[in-house]
Every structure is written in C-alpha cells, then in structure tokens.
Amino acid sequence: MKGILLSCVILVGACMPPNAQRTGVRYAALVGNCPVDFVESTSGFNSADYETLGHVTVAGYDSFTSEAKATLHPTVCEWGGTTVTIMGSLASLGKAATFVIHRKREATAAPVPLACAGKFVNKDGASIVFDGSSTAKMNFGGNEAPCAVRGAAASKVILTCGAGSQDGTFAADCSHFNLGGLDFAEAN
C-alpha cells in the first residue's frame, strides 16, 4: 500500500493520489505549465475572492518546498486552480500536510438578484434560510451563523459565512439548493 501511495505522490499528474478530494465547482483543466500562486500565510488571504476546488493531503511535506510545489502543480492545473494554501500539518502522520486548491473568482459587474428565497433543509437536518436579499442564516448541528449572499447568476450564489465562502446553485424551480455537493430541499 505504501508503495502505491508513494507512486501516486511521485506521479501525481499520472495517478491521482487517493487522498485528493475535489469539492465545489469543477472547471476545465488549465493547459501546460499554468501559473500557480502558493500562499504561505493566509493572514492576508481573502477567501471570499476564491472558490475552493478541493484539497490534497501529501505525505513527506509540511510546507511549500520546491518538491511540494512540483508535486501539487499538476493537480492544481488539472482542477483549473490558480492558488494553493496550507490547511494544516498532520503531526499524527509524521511529515504531512493538507493543501487546499483554490480558483480566483472572476469579477462580476454587479450582484444579481436572488432567484429563490425560503428555507432549505438537507437529509441531516442542516438548514439554510434565504431572505431573498443579501443575507441568510445557516444552521449546522445546532450552530447558527449569519451569512452574506451574493447572486452570481440567476441560479448561482456565493454564500459567505465568517471567513469562508462557498458557491451554491438553486434548481431552476427553486425546489433544491446545492452547496458544495450537499443537497438541500425546500422546506414546506
């Protein structure tokens, strides 16, 4: 097993590591040697300006060494990413870290009015209540958080709760809302 994992880490462009997980919107691959910004410190990183495409946990690296960058680069380009941050080191695995792949959001001319409003609930009981304007309330596991909502298209929104942002999409008939792969149905 370790040999397979090591082979995947070394040949990340040819063999997707089993510890890579894509989330959110999927983009076309960026061709060739695409430019990638490796952000060492997230203190000045505004996550609202980026979409999170997924994360990769890589053994053998706990920082942005030249080897880590070379290992991550093909996956970032394949996923259509532009930026990588470090989520954290995994001391329990020895020298390892989880790297988060982001894509810079394209600027929109003006916010688009939300197409849908109301309460949406997922199978686990989590809920999101959209007021039809620029705010929402998210409730996960009994923890409620106010969120800012920005319409990006008729059915697409950007939900920002605290320091994190996630893209979401309403069904054309407003019966469902998808947030990062989680499906929420309209509550009656």
N, C-alpha and C. Protein backbone atom coordinates (compact mmCIF):
# COMPACT_ATOMS: atom_id res chain seq x y z
N MET A 1 0.83 -1.20 0.00
CA MET A 1 0.00 0.00 0.00
C MET A 1 0.86 1.26 0.00
N LYS A 2 1.93 1.25 0.84
CA LYS A 2 2.80 2.43 0.89
C LYS A 2 3.45 2.66 -0.46
N GLY A 3 3.79 1.57 -1.17
CA GLY A 3 4.42 1.70 -2.49
C GLY A 3 3.48 2.35 -3.48
N ILE A 4 2.19 1.97 -3.44
CA ILE A 4 1.21 2.57 -4.34
C ILE A 4 1.03 4.05 -4.02
N LEU A 5 0.89 4.38 -2.73
CA LEU A 5 0.74 5.77 -2.33
C LEU A 5 1.96 6.59 -2.73
N LEU A 6 3.16 6.06 -2.50
CA LEU A 6 4.36 6.78 -2.89
C LEU A 6 4.41 6.98 -4.40
N SER A 7 4.01 5.97 -5.16
CA SER A 7 3.99 6.10 -6.62
C SER A 7 3.01 7.19 -7.04
N CYS A 8 1.86 7.22 -6.39
CA CYS A 8 0.87 8.25 -6.72
C CYS A 8 1.38 9.64 -6.37
N VAL A 9 2.05 9.77 -5.23
CA VAL A 9 2.59 11.07 -4.83
C VAL A 9 3.65 11.52 -5.81
N ILE A 10 4.52 10.61 -6.22
CA ILE A 10 5.59 10.96 -7.15
C ILE A 10 5.03 11.27 -8.52
N LEU A 11 4.04 10.51 -8.94
CA LEU A 11 3.48 10.68 -10.28
C LEU A 11 2.10 11.31 -10.22
N VAL A 12 1.95 12.38 -9.44
CA VAL A 12 0.65 12.97 -9.20
C VAL A 12 -0.07 13.36 -10.49
N GLY A 13 0.61 13.73 -11.52
CA GLY A 13 -0.03 14.07 -12.77
C GLY A 13 -0.60 12.85 -13.47
N ALA A 14 0.01 11.68 -13.31
CA ALA A 14 -0.45 10.48 -13.98
C ALA A 14 -1.33 9.62 -13.09
N CYS A 15 -1.27 9.78 -11.79
CA CYS A 15 -2.01 8.95 -10.85
C CYS A 15 -2.53 9.84 -9.73
N MET A 16 -3.83 10.11 -9.74
CA MET A 16 -4.40 10.98 -8.72
C MET A 16 -4.20 10.35 -7.35
N PRO A 17 -3.61 11.05 -6.40
CA PRO A 17 -3.41 10.47 -5.08
C PRO A 17 -4.76 10.08 -4.47
N PRO A 18 -4.81 8.96 -3.74
CA PRO A 18 -6.09 8.56 -3.15
C PRO A 18 -6.55 9.52 -2.08
N ASN A 19 -5.70 10.41 -1.65
CA ASN A 19 -6.05 11.37 -0.61
C ASN A 19 -6.36 12.75 -1.17
N ALA A 20 -6.70 12.82 -2.45
CA ALA A 20 -7.12 14.08 -3.07
C ALA A 20 -8.64 14.07 -3.14
N GLN A 21 -9.26 15.17 -2.72
CA GLN A 21 -10.71 15.24 -2.75
C GLN A 21 -11.15 16.54 -3.39
N ARG A 22 -11.90 16.41 -4.49
CA ARG A 22 -12.45 17.60 -5.15
C ARG A 22 -13.78 17.94 -4.51
N THR A 23 -14.00 19.22 -4.30
CA THR A 23 -15.27 19.72 -3.78
C THR A 23 -15.66 20.93 -4.61
N GLY A 24 -16.88 21.34 -4.55
CA GLY A 24 -17.29 22.55 -5.24
C GLY A 24 -17.36 22.39 -6.75
N VAL A 25 -17.27 23.50 -7.44
CA VAL A 25 -17.42 23.57 -8.88
C VAL A 25 -16.23 22.90 -9.57
N ARG A 26 -16.49 22.21 -10.67
CA ARG A 26 -15.42 21.60 -11.45
C ARG A 26 -15.18 22.45 -12.69
N TYR A 27 -13.91 22.76 -12.91
CA TYR A 27 -13.51 23.58 -14.04
C TYR A 27 -12.68 22.76 -15.01
N ALA A 28 -12.61 23.25 -16.24
CA ALA A 28 -11.74 22.62 -17.23
C ALA A 28 -10.29 22.78 -16.78
N ALA A 29 -9.48 21.81 -17.14
CA ALA A 29 -8.06 21.86 -16.79
C ALA A 29 -7.40 23.06 -17.46
N LEU A 30 -6.43 23.63 -16.78
CA LEU A 30 -5.61 24.69 -17.36
C LEU A 30 -4.43 24.01 -18.03
N VAL A 31 -4.19 24.35 -19.28
CA VAL A 31 -3.19 23.62 -20.06
C VAL A 31 -1.77 24.07 -19.76
N GLY A 32 -0.86 23.15 -20.06
CA GLY A 32 0.57 23.46 -19.95
C GLY A 32 1.00 23.73 -18.53
N ASN A 33 1.98 24.57 -18.42
CA ASN A 33 2.57 24.93 -17.14
C ASN A 33 1.81 26.13 -16.58
N CYS A 34 0.57 25.90 -16.11
CA CYS A 34 -0.29 27.00 -15.67
C CYS A 34 0.33 27.73 -14.48
N PRO A 35 0.12 29.04 -14.38
CA PRO A 35 0.66 29.78 -13.24
C PRO A 35 -0.11 29.44 -11.96
N VAL A 36 0.62 29.18 -10.88
CA VAL A 36 0.01 28.84 -9.60
C VAL A 36 0.65 29.71 -8.52
N ASP A 37 -0.18 30.30 -7.69
CA ASP A 37 0.29 31.11 -6.57
C ASP A 37 0.23 30.25 -5.30
N PHE A 38 1.38 30.00 -4.68
CA PHE A 38 1.44 29.24 -3.44
C PHE A 38 1.49 30.24 -2.29
N VAL A 39 0.40 30.33 -1.51
CA VAL A 39 0.26 31.32 -0.45
C VAL A 39 0.74 30.71 0.87
N GLU A 40 1.86 31.21 1.36
CA GLU A 40 2.47 30.70 2.60
C GLU A 40 1.62 31.01 3.82
N SER A 41 1.11 32.23 3.92
CA SER A 41 0.35 32.66 5.09
C SER A 41 -1.03 33.11 4.64
N THR A 42 -2.05 32.64 5.31
CA THR A 42 -3.41 33.03 4.95
C THR A 42 -3.87 34.27 5.70
N SER A 43 -2.98 34.92 6.43
CA SER A 43 -3.39 36.11 7.20
C SER A 43 -3.90 37.22 6.28
N GLY A 44 -3.36 37.36 5.10
CA GLY A 44 -3.84 38.36 4.15
C GLY A 44 -4.66 37.78 3.03
N PHE A 45 -4.98 36.51 3.13
CA PHE A 45 -5.72 35.79 2.10
C PHE A 45 -7.21 35.98 2.31
N ASN A 46 -7.90 36.58 1.35
CA ASN A 46 -9.34 36.81 1.45
C ASN A 46 -10.07 35.69 0.74
N SER A 47 -10.58 34.72 1.50
CA SER A 47 -11.21 33.54 0.91
C SER A 47 -12.45 33.89 0.09
N ALA A 48 -13.08 35.03 0.34
CA ALA A 48 -14.25 35.44 -0.43
C ALA A 48 -13.90 35.69 -1.90
N ASP A 49 -12.62 35.93 -2.17
CA ASP A 49 -12.19 36.18 -3.55
C ASP A 49 -11.87 34.89 -4.31
N TYR A 50 -12.02 33.73 -3.64
CA TYR A 50 -11.63 32.45 -4.23
C TYR A 50 -12.71 31.40 -4.05
N GLU A 51 -12.76 30.46 -4.97
CA GLU A 51 -13.58 29.27 -4.83
C GLU A 51 -12.66 28.15 -4.39
N THR A 52 -13.10 27.32 -3.46
CA THR A 52 -12.32 26.17 -3.05
C THR A 52 -12.68 25.00 -3.96
N LEU A 53 -11.65 24.43 -4.61
CA LEU A 53 -11.88 23.32 -5.53
C LEU A 53 -11.65 21.96 -4.89
N GLY A 54 -10.91 21.92 -3.79
CA GLY A 54 -10.66 20.66 -3.11
C GLY A 54 -9.38 20.73 -2.30
N HIS A 55 -8.98 19.56 -1.79
CA HIS A 55 -7.75 19.52 -1.00
C HIS A 55 -7.00 18.23 -1.26
N VAL A 56 -5.70 18.30 -1.03
CA VAL A 56 -4.81 17.15 -1.23
C VAL A 56 -3.94 17.02 0.02
N THR A 57 -3.95 15.84 0.60
CA THR A 57 -3.06 15.57 1.73
C THR A 57 -1.86 14.81 1.18
N VAL A 58 -0.67 15.33 1.43
CA VAL A 58 0.54 14.76 0.87
C VAL A 58 1.52 14.42 1.99
N ALA A 59 1.96 13.18 2.01
CA ALA A 59 2.98 12.77 2.98
C ALA A 59 4.35 13.22 2.48
N GLY A 60 5.22 13.56 3.41
CA GLY A 60 6.58 13.94 3.05
C GLY A 60 6.81 15.43 3.02
N TYR A 61 5.73 16.22 3.07
CA TYR A 61 5.86 17.67 3.01
C TYR A 61 5.00 18.29 4.09
N ASP A 62 5.49 19.31 4.77
CA ASP A 62 4.67 20.07 5.71
C ASP A 62 4.77 21.56 5.46
N SER A 63 5.33 21.92 4.28
CA SER A 63 5.43 23.32 3.88
C SER A 63 5.59 23.36 2.36
N PHE A 64 5.68 24.56 1.81
CA PHE A 64 5.82 24.73 0.36
C PHE A 64 7.28 24.62 -0.07
N THR A 65 7.83 23.45 0.02
CA THR A 65 9.18 23.24 -0.52
C THR A 65 9.07 23.18 -2.03
N SER A 66 10.18 23.27 -2.72
CA SER A 66 10.13 23.18 -4.19
C SER A 66 9.58 21.83 -4.62
N GLU A 67 9.89 20.77 -3.86
CA GLU A 67 9.38 19.44 -4.18
C GLU A 67 7.86 19.38 -3.99
N ALA A 68 7.36 19.98 -2.90
CA ALA A 68 5.92 20.00 -2.65
C ALA A 68 5.20 20.75 -3.77
N LYS A 69 5.75 21.88 -4.18
CA LYS A 69 5.15 22.65 -5.27
C LYS A 69 5.12 21.84 -6.56
N ALA A 70 6.21 21.14 -6.85
CA ALA A 70 6.28 20.31 -8.07
C ALA A 70 5.28 19.17 -8.01
N THR A 71 5.05 18.61 -6.82
CA THR A 71 4.10 17.52 -6.65
C THR A 71 2.66 18.01 -6.81
N LEU A 72 2.35 19.18 -6.26
CA LEU A 72 0.99 19.73 -6.29
C LEU A 72 0.62 20.36 -7.63
N HIS A 73 1.58 20.94 -8.32
CA HIS A 73 1.34 21.73 -9.52
C HIS A 73 0.47 21.03 -10.57
N PRO A 74 0.74 19.77 -10.96
CA PRO A 74 -0.10 19.13 -11.98
C PRO A 74 -1.56 19.00 -11.56
N THR A 75 -1.80 18.70 -10.29
CA THR A 75 -3.18 18.56 -9.81
C THR A 75 -3.89 19.91 -9.82
N VAL A 76 -3.19 20.96 -9.41
CA VAL A 76 -3.79 22.31 -9.42
C VAL A 76 -4.22 22.66 -10.84
N CYS A 77 -3.34 22.45 -11.82
CA CYS A 77 -3.67 22.77 -13.21
C CYS A 77 -4.81 21.89 -13.72
N GLU A 78 -4.77 20.60 -13.37
CA GLU A 78 -5.81 19.66 -13.82
C GLU A 78 -7.18 20.08 -13.30
N TRP A 79 -7.25 20.60 -12.07
CA TRP A 79 -8.51 21.02 -11.48
C TRP A 79 -8.93 22.43 -11.88
N GLY A 80 -8.09 23.15 -12.65
CA GLY A 80 -8.42 24.51 -13.05
C GLY A 80 -8.14 25.53 -11.96
N GLY A 81 -7.25 25.18 -11.02
CA GLY A 81 -6.94 26.06 -9.89
C GLY A 81 -5.91 27.11 -10.22
N THR A 82 -5.82 28.11 -9.33
CA THR A 82 -4.86 29.20 -9.51
C THR A 82 -4.01 29.43 -8.26
N THR A 83 -4.48 28.93 -7.11
CA THR A 83 -3.85 29.25 -5.84
C THR A 83 -3.89 28.04 -4.91
N VAL A 84 -2.84 27.90 -4.07
CA VAL A 84 -2.79 26.82 -3.09
C VAL A 84 -2.44 27.43 -1.72
N THR A 85 -3.19 26.99 -0.69
CA THR A 85 -2.88 27.37 0.68
C THR A 85 -2.67 26.08 1.49
N ILE A 86 -2.10 26.21 2.66
CA ILE A 86 -1.92 25.06 3.54
C ILE A 86 -3.02 25.07 4.58
N MET A 87 -3.79 23.97 4.64
CA MET A 87 -4.84 23.86 5.65
C MET A 87 -4.22 23.55 7.00
N GLY A 88 -3.21 22.67 7.00
CA GLY A 88 -2.56 22.34 8.25
C GLY A 88 -1.67 21.12 8.11
N SER A 89 -0.75 20.99 9.04
CA SER A 89 0.13 19.83 9.08
C SER A 89 -0.54 18.74 9.89
N LEU A 90 -0.25 17.51 9.54
CA LEU A 90 -0.82 16.37 10.23
C LEU A 90 0.26 15.65 11.00
N ALA A 91 0.50 16.09 12.21
CA ALA A 91 1.58 15.53 13.03
C ALA A 91 1.40 14.03 13.26
N SER A 92 0.15 13.56 13.29
CA SER A 92 -0.10 12.13 13.51
C SER A 92 0.41 11.27 12.36
N LEU A 93 0.57 11.87 11.18
CA LEU A 93 1.08 11.14 10.02
C LEU A 93 2.57 11.37 9.82
N GLY A 94 3.22 12.00 10.76
CA GLY A 94 4.63 12.35 10.56
C GLY A 94 4.69 13.65 9.79
N LYS A 95 5.53 13.70 8.79
CA LYS A 95 5.67 14.90 7.99
C LYS A 95 4.65 14.84 6.85
N ALA A 96 3.54 15.53 7.02
CA ALA A 96 2.46 15.56 6.03
C ALA A 96 1.66 16.84 6.20
N ALA A 97 0.99 17.24 5.14
CA ALA A 97 0.16 18.44 5.22
C ALA A 97 -1.01 18.31 4.25
N THR A 98 -2.08 19.03 4.58
CA THR A 98 -3.21 19.13 3.67
C THR A 98 -3.13 20.49 3.00
N PHE A 99 -3.11 20.46 1.68
CA PHE A 99 -3.04 21.66 0.86
C PHE A 99 -4.40 21.89 0.22
N VAL A 100 -4.87 23.14 0.22
CA VAL A 100 -6.18 23.48 -0.33
C VAL A 100 -5.97 24.17 -1.68
N ILE A 101 -6.69 23.68 -2.68
CA ILE A 101 -6.59 24.23 -4.03
C ILE A 101 -7.78 25.18 -4.25
N HIS A 102 -7.46 26.40 -4.70
CA HIS A 102 -8.47 27.44 -4.91
C HIS A 102 -8.41 27.93 -6.36
N ARG A 103 -9.48 28.61 -6.75
CA ARG A 103 -9.51 29.30 -8.04
C ARG A 103 -9.99 30.72 -7.77
N LYS A 104 -9.26 31.68 -8.29
CA LYS A 104 -9.63 33.09 -8.14
C LYS A 104 -10.99 33.32 -8.80
N ARG A 105 -11.89 33.95 -8.07
CA ARG A 105 -13.22 34.24 -8.62
C ARG A 105 -13.11 35.31 -9.71
N GLU A 106 -13.93 35.16 -10.71
CA GLU A 106 -14.00 36.19 -11.74
C GLU A 106 -14.89 37.31 -11.23
N ALA A 107 -14.46 38.52 -11.46
CA ALA A 107 -15.23 39.68 -11.00
C ALA A 107 -16.55 39.76 -11.75
N THR A 108 -17.61 40.09 -11.04
CA THR A 108 -18.91 40.30 -11.68
C THR A 108 -19.19 41.79 -11.69
N ALA A 109 -19.90 42.22 -12.69
CA ALA A 109 -20.19 43.64 -12.85
C ALA A 109 -21.05 44.16 -11.70
N ALA A 110 -22.11 43.43 -11.38
CA ALA A 110 -23.00 43.85 -10.30
C ALA A 110 -23.67 42.61 -9.75
N PRO A 111 -24.04 42.63 -8.47
CA PRO A 111 -24.74 41.48 -7.92
C PRO A 111 -26.04 41.21 -8.67
N VAL A 112 -26.37 39.95 -8.82
CA VAL A 112 -27.59 39.54 -9.49
C VAL A 112 -28.63 39.24 -8.42
N PRO A 113 -29.88 39.70 -8.59
CA PRO A 113 -30.90 39.39 -7.58
C PRO A 113 -31.08 37.88 -7.44
N LEU A 114 -31.34 37.43 -6.19
CA LEU A 114 -31.56 36.02 -5.96
C LEU A 114 -32.86 35.57 -6.62
N ALA A 115 -32.80 34.39 -7.22
CA ALA A 115 -33.99 33.84 -7.88
C ALA A 115 -34.91 33.15 -6.88
N CYS A 116 -34.37 32.70 -5.75
CA CYS A 116 -35.14 31.90 -4.80
C CYS A 116 -34.98 32.44 -3.38
N ALA A 117 -35.97 32.15 -2.54
CA ALA A 117 -35.92 32.51 -1.13
C ALA A 117 -36.63 31.43 -0.35
N GLY A 118 -36.42 31.41 0.97
CA GLY A 118 -37.10 30.44 1.81
C GLY A 118 -36.12 29.57 2.55
N LYS A 119 -36.66 28.53 3.19
CA LYS A 119 -35.87 27.61 4.00
C LYS A 119 -35.59 26.33 3.20
N PHE A 120 -34.32 25.90 3.26
CA PHE A 120 -33.88 24.68 2.59
C PHE A 120 -33.21 23.79 3.62
N VAL A 121 -33.56 22.49 3.63
CA VAL A 121 -33.08 21.55 4.64
C VAL A 121 -32.44 20.35 3.94
N ASN A 122 -31.30 19.86 4.51
CA ASN A 122 -30.69 18.66 3.93
C ASN A 122 -31.10 17.43 4.73
N LYS A 123 -30.67 16.25 4.28
CA LYS A 123 -31.07 14.98 4.88
C LYS A 123 -30.61 14.83 6.33
N ASP A 124 -29.59 15.59 6.73
CA ASP A 124 -29.08 15.53 8.10
C ASP A 124 -29.71 16.57 9.03
N GLY A 125 -30.65 17.35 8.50
CA GLY A 125 -31.32 18.35 9.32
C GLY A 125 -30.69 19.73 9.30
N ALA A 126 -29.57 19.88 8.62
CA ALA A 126 -28.96 21.21 8.49
C ALA A 126 -29.88 22.07 7.64
N SER A 127 -29.89 23.37 7.89
CA SER A 127 -30.78 24.24 7.14
C SER A 127 -30.10 25.55 6.76
N ILE A 128 -30.62 26.13 5.69
CA ILE A 128 -30.21 27.46 5.24
C ILE A 128 -31.48 28.22 4.93
N VAL A 129 -31.61 29.41 5.50
CA VAL A 129 -32.78 30.24 5.25
C VAL A 129 -32.32 31.47 4.48
N PHE A 130 -32.81 31.62 3.26
CA PHE A 130 -32.50 32.78 2.42
C PHE A 130 -33.65 33.77 2.53
N ASP A 131 -33.32 35.04 2.80
CA ASP A 131 -34.37 36.04 2.95
C ASP A 131 -34.74 36.71 1.62
N GLY A 132 -34.10 36.31 0.54
CA GLY A 132 -34.41 36.88 -0.77
C GLY A 132 -33.58 38.10 -1.12
N SER A 133 -32.75 38.55 -0.18
CA SER A 133 -31.89 39.71 -0.49
C SER A 133 -30.44 39.30 -0.35
N SER A 134 -29.74 39.89 0.58
CA SER A 134 -28.29 39.65 0.66
C SER A 134 -27.87 38.93 1.93
N THR A 135 -28.83 38.34 2.67
CA THR A 135 -28.45 37.64 3.88
C THR A 135 -29.13 36.27 3.95
N ALA A 136 -28.54 35.40 4.76
CA ALA A 136 -29.09 34.07 5.00
C ALA A 136 -28.66 33.65 6.40
N LYS A 137 -29.33 32.64 6.93
CA LYS A 137 -28.94 32.04 8.21
C LYS A 137 -28.70 30.56 7.95
N MET A 138 -27.53 30.09 8.37
CA MET A 138 -27.18 28.69 8.19
C MET A 138 -27.17 28.02 9.55
N ASN A 139 -27.76 26.82 9.64
CA ASN A 139 -27.79 26.07 10.89
C ASN A 139 -27.27 24.66 10.62
N PHE A 140 -26.06 24.36 11.14
CA PHE A 140 -25.45 23.04 11.02
C PHE A 140 -25.21 22.52 12.43
N GLY A 141 -25.79 21.40 12.76
CA GLY A 141 -25.54 20.78 14.06
C GLY A 141 -25.92 21.66 15.23
N GLY A 142 -26.94 22.48 15.07
CA GLY A 142 -27.37 23.35 16.16
C GLY A 142 -26.62 24.66 16.25
N ASN A 143 -25.61 24.85 15.41
CA ASN A 143 -24.85 26.10 15.40
C ASN A 143 -25.38 26.98 14.29
N GLU A 144 -25.88 28.14 14.65
CA GLU A 144 -26.43 29.06 13.66
C GLU A 144 -25.42 30.16 13.34
N ALA A 145 -25.32 30.47 12.07
CA ALA A 145 -24.39 31.51 11.63
C ALA A 145 -25.06 32.41 10.60
N PRO A 146 -24.89 33.73 10.75
CA PRO A 146 -25.38 34.64 9.71
C PRO A 146 -24.43 34.58 8.52
N CYS A 147 -24.99 34.71 7.34
CA CYS A 147 -24.19 34.63 6.12
C CYS A 147 -24.56 35.77 5.18
N ALA A 148 -23.57 36.18 4.41
CA ALA A 148 -23.81 37.14 3.33
C ALA A 148 -24.04 36.34 2.05
N VAL A 149 -24.97 36.79 1.24
CA VAL A 149 -25.31 36.09 0.00
C VAL A 149 -25.12 37.06 -1.16
N ARG A 150 -24.41 36.58 -2.17
CA ARG A 150 -24.21 37.40 -3.37
C ARG A 150 -24.65 36.57 -4.57
N GLY A 151 -25.60 37.07 -5.31
CA GLY A 151 -26.03 36.39 -6.53
C GLY A 151 -24.97 36.56 -7.59
N ALA A 152 -24.59 35.45 -8.23
CA ALA A 152 -23.59 35.50 -9.28
C ALA A 152 -24.21 35.26 -10.65
N ALA A 153 -25.37 34.64 -10.67
CA ALA A 153 -26.15 34.39 -11.88
C ALA A 153 -27.56 34.11 -11.40
N ALA A 154 -28.49 33.88 -12.32
CA ALA A 154 -29.89 33.69 -11.92
C ALA A 154 -30.05 32.61 -10.87
N SER A 155 -29.31 31.51 -10.97
CA SER A 155 -29.47 30.42 -10.01
C SER A 155 -28.22 30.17 -9.17
N LYS A 156 -27.14 30.89 -9.41
CA LYS A 156 -25.88 30.66 -8.71
C LYS A 156 -25.65 31.76 -7.68
N VAL A 157 -25.22 31.33 -6.46
CA VAL A 157 -24.94 32.30 -5.40
C VAL A 157 -23.59 32.00 -4.77
N ILE A 158 -23.06 32.99 -4.11
CA ILE A 158 -21.84 32.83 -3.31
C ILE A 158 -22.26 33.12 -1.88
N LEU A 159 -22.10 32.12 -1.02
CA LEU A 159 -22.51 32.21 0.37
C LEU A 159 -21.26 32.39 1.22
N THR A 160 -21.17 33.49 1.98
CA THR A 160 -20.02 33.76 2.83
C THR A 160 -20.47 33.78 4.28
N CYS A 161 -19.96 32.80 5.04
CA CYS A 161 -20.29 32.68 6.46
C CYS A 161 -18.98 32.77 7.22
N GLY A 162 -18.77 33.83 7.98
CA GLY A 162 -17.50 34.02 8.66
C GLY A 162 -16.41 34.27 7.64
N ALA A 163 -15.30 33.55 7.75
CA ALA A 163 -14.16 33.75 6.85
C ALA A 163 -14.23 32.89 5.61
N GLY A 164 -15.19 31.95 5.52
CA GLY A 164 -15.24 31.04 4.40
C GLY A 164 -16.36 31.36 3.43
N SER A 165 -16.12 31.06 2.15
CA SER A 165 -17.11 31.24 1.10
C SER A 165 -17.29 29.94 0.35
N GLN A 166 -18.50 29.72 -0.14
CA GLN A 166 -18.80 28.53 -0.91
C GLN A 166 -19.82 28.89 -1.98
N ASP A 167 -19.67 28.31 -3.16
CA ASP A 167 -20.63 28.53 -4.22
C ASP A 167 -21.80 27.59 -4.05
N GLY A 168 -22.97 28.06 -4.37
CA GLY A 168 -24.17 27.25 -4.32
C GLY A 168 -25.01 27.48 -5.56
N THR A 169 -25.91 26.53 -5.84
CA THR A 169 -26.75 26.62 -7.03
C THR A 169 -28.18 26.21 -6.69
N PHE A 170 -29.14 27.03 -7.08
CA PHE A 170 -30.55 26.70 -6.94
C PHE A 170 -31.01 25.92 -8.15
N ALA A 171 -31.94 24.97 -7.94
CA ALA A 171 -32.62 24.32 -9.07
C ALA A 171 -33.46 25.39 -9.77
N ALA A 172 -33.73 25.18 -11.04
CA ALA A 172 -34.49 26.17 -11.82
C ALA A 172 -35.84 26.47 -11.19
N ASP A 173 -36.47 25.47 -10.57
CA ASP A 173 -37.79 25.68 -9.95
C ASP A 173 -37.72 26.03 -8.46
N CYS A 174 -36.51 26.29 -7.95
CA CYS A 174 -36.26 26.66 -6.55
C CYS A 174 -36.62 25.56 -5.56
N SER A 175 -36.74 24.31 -6.01
CA SER A 175 -37.11 23.21 -5.11
C SER A 175 -35.90 22.66 -4.36
N HIS A 176 -34.69 22.92 -4.86
CA HIS A 176 -33.47 22.41 -4.25
C HIS A 176 -32.37 23.46 -4.30
N PHE A 177 -31.44 23.31 -3.37
CA PHE A 177 -30.25 24.16 -3.34
C PHE A 177 -29.06 23.25 -3.08
N ASN A 178 -27.99 23.37 -3.87
CA ASN A 178 -26.79 22.57 -3.70
C ASN A 178 -25.67 23.47 -3.23
N LEU A 179 -25.05 23.09 -2.12
CA LEU A 179 -23.94 23.86 -1.54
C LEU A 179 -22.76 22.93 -1.37
N GLY A 180 -21.76 23.07 -2.24
CA GLY A 180 -20.55 22.26 -2.14
C GLY A 180 -20.82 20.76 -2.17
N GLY A 181 -21.80 20.32 -2.94
CA GLY A 181 -22.11 18.90 -3.04
C GLY A 181 -23.18 18.43 -2.07
N LEU A 182 -23.60 19.30 -1.14
CA LEU A 182 -24.69 18.95 -0.22
C LEU A 182 -25.99 19.44 -0.80
N ASP A 183 -26.97 18.54 -0.87
CA ASP A 183 -28.27 18.90 -1.45
C ASP A 183 -29.25 19.29 -0.35
N PHE A 184 -29.88 20.43 -0.51
CA PHE A 184 -30.89 20.93 0.40
C PHE A 184 -32.21 21.03 -0.35
N ALA A 185 -33.29 20.49 0.23
CA ALA A 185 -34.61 20.58 -0.37
C ALA A 185 -35.39 21.72 0.28
N GLU A 186 -36.26 22.33 -0.51
CA GLU A 186 -37.09 23.41 0.02
C GLU A 186 -38.01 22.84 1.09
N ALA A 187 -38.05 23.50 2.25
CA ALA A 187 -38.91 23.07 3.35
C ALA A 187 -40.31 23.61 3.09
N ASN A 188 -41.29 22.79 3.34
CA ASN A 188 -42.69 23.22 3.13
C ASN A 188 -43.26 23.89 4.34
